[in-house]
Amino acid sequence: VQLQASGGGLVQAGGSLRLSCAASGRTFSSYVMGWFRQAPGKEREFVAAIRWSGGSYSDSVKGRFTISRDNAKNTVYLQMNSLKPEDTAVYYCAVRFGGPIATTQESTTYDYWGQGTQVTVSS
């Protein structure tokens, strides 16, 4: 199983970016795919997750970020709008093959991780 994240970069506050995570090694359509982020000196935190078509979000990104997936391409996306300097972090995608829905936001419940992509938002 491999996850390849891409799409990060430098953007001004208020701008947008779209992250992609291409998965390979097996079919992922039935599994939860998630995005997490880690800023310097901080712990990794949940951003968003999706299983079927609906997504769940952290309070800090709700209304600004949208997670989606294209099962035909085995790819999950994170559309990030109205970016803020506090969104600056390395963003990671991950997949989990099972577990209670209630633990979706816990990074320890995810089985495989991508390498991360840097997002920097300037003020």
C-alpha atoms as a PDB file:
ATOM      1  CA  VAL A   1       0.000   0.000   0.000  1.00  0.00           C
ATOM      2  CA  GLN A   2       1.306   3.426  -0.965  1.00  0.00           C
ATOM      3  CA  LEU A   3      -0.141   6.884  -0.564  1.00  0.00           C
ATOM      4  CA  GLN A   4       1.298   9.790  -2.514  1.00  0.00           C
ATOM      5  CA  ALA A   5       0.274  13.275  -1.437  1.00  0.00           C
ATOM      6  CA  SER A   6       0.761  16.301  -3.666  1.00  0.00           C
ATOM      7  CA  GLY A   7      -0.521  19.798  -4.303  1.00  0.00           C
ATOM      8  CA  GLY A   8       1.035  21.733  -1.464  1.00  0.00           C
ATOM      9  CA  GLY A   9       2.731  25.074  -1.921  1.00  0.00           C
ATOM     10  CA  LEU A  10       2.943  28.692  -0.900  1.00  0.00           C
ATOM     11  CA  VAL A  11      -0.223  30.778  -1.028  1.00  0.00           C
ATOM     12  CA  GLN A  12      -1.359  34.103   0.368  1.00  0.00           C
ATOM     13  CA  ALA A  13      -3.984  34.305   3.069  1.00  0.00           C
ATOM     14  CA  GLY A  14      -7.436  34.028   1.555  1.00  0.00           C
ATOM     15  CA  GLY A  15      -6.187  31.873  -1.277  1.00  0.00           C
ATOM     16  CA  SER A  16      -6.924  28.278  -2.207  1.00  0.00           C
ATOM     17  CA  LEU A  17      -5.089  25.032  -2.767  1.00  0.00           C
ATOM     18  CA  ARG A  18      -6.184  21.539  -3.659  1.00  0.00           C
ATOM     19  CA  LEU A  19      -4.303  18.604  -2.248  1.00  0.00           C
ATOM     20  CA  SER A  20      -4.413  15.171  -3.836  1.00  0.00           C
ATOM     21  CA  CYS A  21      -3.609  11.770  -2.406  1.00  0.00           C
ATOM     22  CA  ALA A  22      -3.171   8.927  -4.857  1.00  0.00           C
ATOM     23  CA  ALA A  23      -3.454   5.478  -3.337  1.00  0.00           C
ATOM     24  CA  SER A  24      -2.120   2.243  -4.760  1.00  0.00           C
ATOM     25  CA  GLY A  25      -1.743  -1.346  -3.729  1.00  0.00           C
ATOM     26  CA  ARG A  26      -5.364  -2.230  -3.224  1.00  0.00           C
ATOM     27  CA  THR A  27      -8.882  -0.864  -3.768  1.00  0.00           C
ATOM     28  CA  PHE A  28      -9.684   1.865  -1.265  1.00  0.00           C
ATOM     29  CA  SER A  29     -13.281   2.694  -2.105  1.00  0.00           C
ATOM     30  CA  SER A  30     -14.686   1.046   1.023  1.00  0.00           C
ATOM     31  CA  TYR A  31     -12.264   2.557   3.493  1.00  0.00           C
ATOM     32  CA  VAL A  32     -11.927   5.775   5.392  1.00  0.00           C
ATOM     33  CA  MET A  33      -9.402   8.190   3.920  1.00  0.00           C
ATOM     34  CA  GLY A  34      -8.250  11.046   6.071  1.00  0.00           C
ATOM     35  CA  TRP A  35      -6.166  14.198   6.038  1.00  0.00           C
ATOM     36  CA  PHE A  36      -4.103  15.291   8.999  1.00  0.00           C
ATOM     37  CA  ARG A  37      -1.632  18.120   9.453  1.00  0.00           C
ATOM     38  CA  GLN A  38       1.307  18.915  11.636  1.00  0.00           C
ATOM     39  CA  ALA A  39       2.690  22.367  12.240  1.00  0.00           C
ATOM     40  CA  PRO A  40       6.202  22.931  13.642  1.00  0.00           C
ATOM     41  CA  GLY A  41       6.304  22.211  17.359  1.00  0.00           C
ATOM     42  CA  LYS A  42       2.761  20.890  17.406  1.00  0.00           C
ATOM     43  CA  GLU A  43       1.160  17.482  17.427  1.00  0.00           C
ATOM     44  CA  ARG A  44      -0.403  15.997  14.343  1.00  0.00           C
ATOM     45  CA  GLU A  45      -4.065  16.964  14.174  1.00  0.00           C
ATOM     46  CA  PHE A  46      -7.107  15.729  12.330  1.00  0.00           C
ATOM     47  CA  VAL A  47      -8.337  17.811   9.404  1.00  0.00           C
ATOM     48  CA  ALA A  48     -10.931  15.804   7.490  1.00  0.00           C
ATOM     49  CA  ALA A  49     -12.018  12.282   6.640  1.00  0.00           C
ATOM     50  CA  ILE A  50     -14.307  10.581   4.161  1.00  0.00           C
ATOM     51  CA  ARG A  51     -15.654   7.106   3.744  1.00  0.00           C
ATOM     52  CA  TRP A  52     -18.451   7.080   1.207  1.00  0.00           C
ATOM     53  CA  SER A  53     -19.458  10.525  -0.067  1.00  0.00           C
ATOM     54  CA  GLY A  54     -19.824  12.533   3.116  1.00  0.00           C
ATOM     55  CA  GLY A  55     -16.966  14.089   4.993  1.00  0.00           C
ATOM     56  CA  SER A  56     -16.217  14.975   8.574  1.00  0.00           C
ATOM     57  CA  TYR A  57     -14.104  17.961   9.530  1.00  0.00           C
ATOM     58  CA  SER A  58     -12.313  19.537  12.399  1.00  0.00           C
ATOM     59  CA  ASP A  59     -13.926  22.692  13.719  1.00  0.00           C
ATOM     60  CA  SER A  60     -10.946  24.739  12.574  1.00  0.00           C
ATOM     61  CA  VAL A  61     -11.503  23.961   8.882  1.00  0.00           C
ATOM     62  CA  LYS A  62     -15.249  23.357   8.702  1.00  0.00           C
ATOM     63  CA  GLY A  63     -16.830  25.540   6.067  1.00  0.00           C
ATOM     64  CA  ARG A  64     -13.488  26.253   4.367  1.00  0.00           C
ATOM     65  CA  PHE A  65     -12.167  22.813   3.417  1.00  0.00           C
ATOM     66  CA  THR A  66     -13.895  20.090   1.433  1.00  0.00           C
ATOM     67  CA  ILE A  67     -12.804  16.478   1.225  1.00  0.00           C
ATOM     68  CA  SER A  68     -13.814  14.330  -1.732  1.00  0.00           C
ATOM     69  CA  ARG A  69     -12.762  11.137  -3.435  1.00  0.00           C
ATOM     70  CA  ASP A  70     -12.635   9.640  -6.899  1.00  0.00           C
ATOM     71  CA  ASN A  71     -12.814   5.893  -6.425  1.00  0.00           C
ATOM     72  CA  ALA A  72     -12.110   5.202 -10.081  1.00  0.00           C
ATOM     73  CA  LYS A  73      -8.748   6.941  -9.622  1.00  0.00           C
ATOM     74  CA  ASN A  74      -8.172   5.719  -6.049  1.00  0.00           C
ATOM     75  CA  THR A  75      -7.603   9.349  -5.150  1.00  0.00           C
ATOM     76  CA  VAL A  76      -8.807  11.584  -2.343  1.00  0.00           C
ATOM     77  CA  TYR A  77      -8.745  15.376  -2.505  1.00  0.00           C
ATOM     78  CA  LEU A  78      -8.746  18.210  -0.030  1.00  0.00           C
ATOM     79  CA  GLN A  79      -9.977  21.506  -1.420  1.00  0.00           C
ATOM     80  CA  MET A  80      -8.789  24.269   0.862  1.00  0.00           C
ATOM     81  CA  ASN A  81     -10.353  27.717   0.520  1.00  0.00           C
ATOM     82  CA  SER A  82     -10.020  30.910   2.534  1.00  0.00           C
ATOM     83  CA  LEU A  83      -6.664  29.770   3.786  1.00  0.00           C
ATOM     84  CA  LYS A  84      -5.241  31.333   6.919  1.00  0.00           C
ATOM     85  CA  PRO A  85      -1.644  31.547   8.183  1.00  0.00           C
ATOM     86  CA  GLU A  86      -2.591  29.107  10.944  1.00  0.00           C
ATOM     87  CA  ASP A  87      -3.292  26.487   8.255  1.00  0.00           C
ATOM     88  CA  THR A  88       0.448  26.339   7.588  1.00  0.00           C
ATOM     89  CA  ALA A  89       1.606  22.769   8.181  1.00  0.00           C
ATOM     90  CA  VAL A  90       2.704  19.556   6.550  1.00  0.00           C
ATOM     91  CA  TYR A  91      -0.429  17.789   5.383  1.00  0.00           C
ATOM     92  CA  TYR A  92      -0.616  14.011   5.427  1.00  0.00           C
ATOM     93  CA  CYS A  93      -3.124  11.638   3.918  1.00  0.00           C
ATOM     94  CA  ALA A  94      -3.875   8.315   5.501  1.00  0.00           C
ATOM     95  CA  VAL A  95      -6.136   5.290   5.184  1.00  0.00           C
ATOM     96  CA  ARG A  96      -7.708   3.086   7.793  1.00  0.00           C
ATOM     97  CA  PHE A  97      -9.163  -0.328   7.102  1.00  0.00           C
ATOM     98  CA  GLY A  98     -11.507  -0.536  10.056  1.00  0.00           C
ATOM     99  CA  GLY A  99     -12.467   0.752  13.451  1.00  0.00           C
ATOM    100  CA  PRO A 100     -15.369   2.533  15.106  1.00  0.00           C
ATOM    101  CA  ILE A 101     -16.650   5.672  13.425  1.00  0.00           C
ATOM    102  CA  ALA A 102     -16.171   7.471  16.718  1.00  0.00           C
ATOM    103  CA  THR A 103     -12.392   7.119  16.392  1.00  0.00           C
ATOM    104  CA  THR A 104     -12.128   8.540  12.862  1.00  0.00           C
ATOM    105  CA  GLN A 105     -10.326  11.639  14.124  1.00  0.00           C
ATOM    106  CA  GLU A 106      -7.647   9.667  15.967  1.00  0.00           C
ATOM    107  CA  SER A 107      -4.429   9.372  13.975  1.00  0.00           C
ATOM    108  CA  THR A 108      -3.428   6.165  15.752  1.00  0.00           C
ATOM    109  CA  THR A 109      -6.336   4.326  14.132  1.00  0.00           C
ATOM    110  CA  TYR A 110      -4.965   4.841  10.613  1.00  0.00           C
ATOM    111  CA  ASP A 111      -2.986   2.065   8.983  1.00  0.00           C
ATOM    112  CA  TYR A 112      -0.966   3.704   6.217  1.00  0.00           C
ATOM    113  CA  TRP A 113       0.332   7.219   5.697  1.00  0.00           C
ATOM    114  CA  GLY A 114       1.580   9.280   2.790  1.00  0.00           C
ATOM    115  CA  GLN A 115       4.796  11.246   2.917  1.00  0.00           C
ATOM    116  CA  GLY A 116       3.245  14.659   3.509  1.00  0.00           C
ATOM    117  CA  THR A 117       3.055  17.847   1.479  1.00  0.00           C
ATOM    118  CA  GLN A 118       3.947  21.297   2.780  1.00  0.00           C
ATOM    119  CA  VAL A 119       1.321  24.033   2.813  1.00  0.00           C
ATOM    120  CA  THR A 120       2.503  27.525   3.676  1.00  0.00           C
ATOM    121  CA  VAL A 121       0.071  30.416   3.975  1.00  0.00           C
ATOM    122  CA  SER A 122       1.571  33.879   4.123  1.00  0.00           C
ATOM    123  CA  SER A 123      -0.160  36.798   5.788  1.00  0.00           C
END
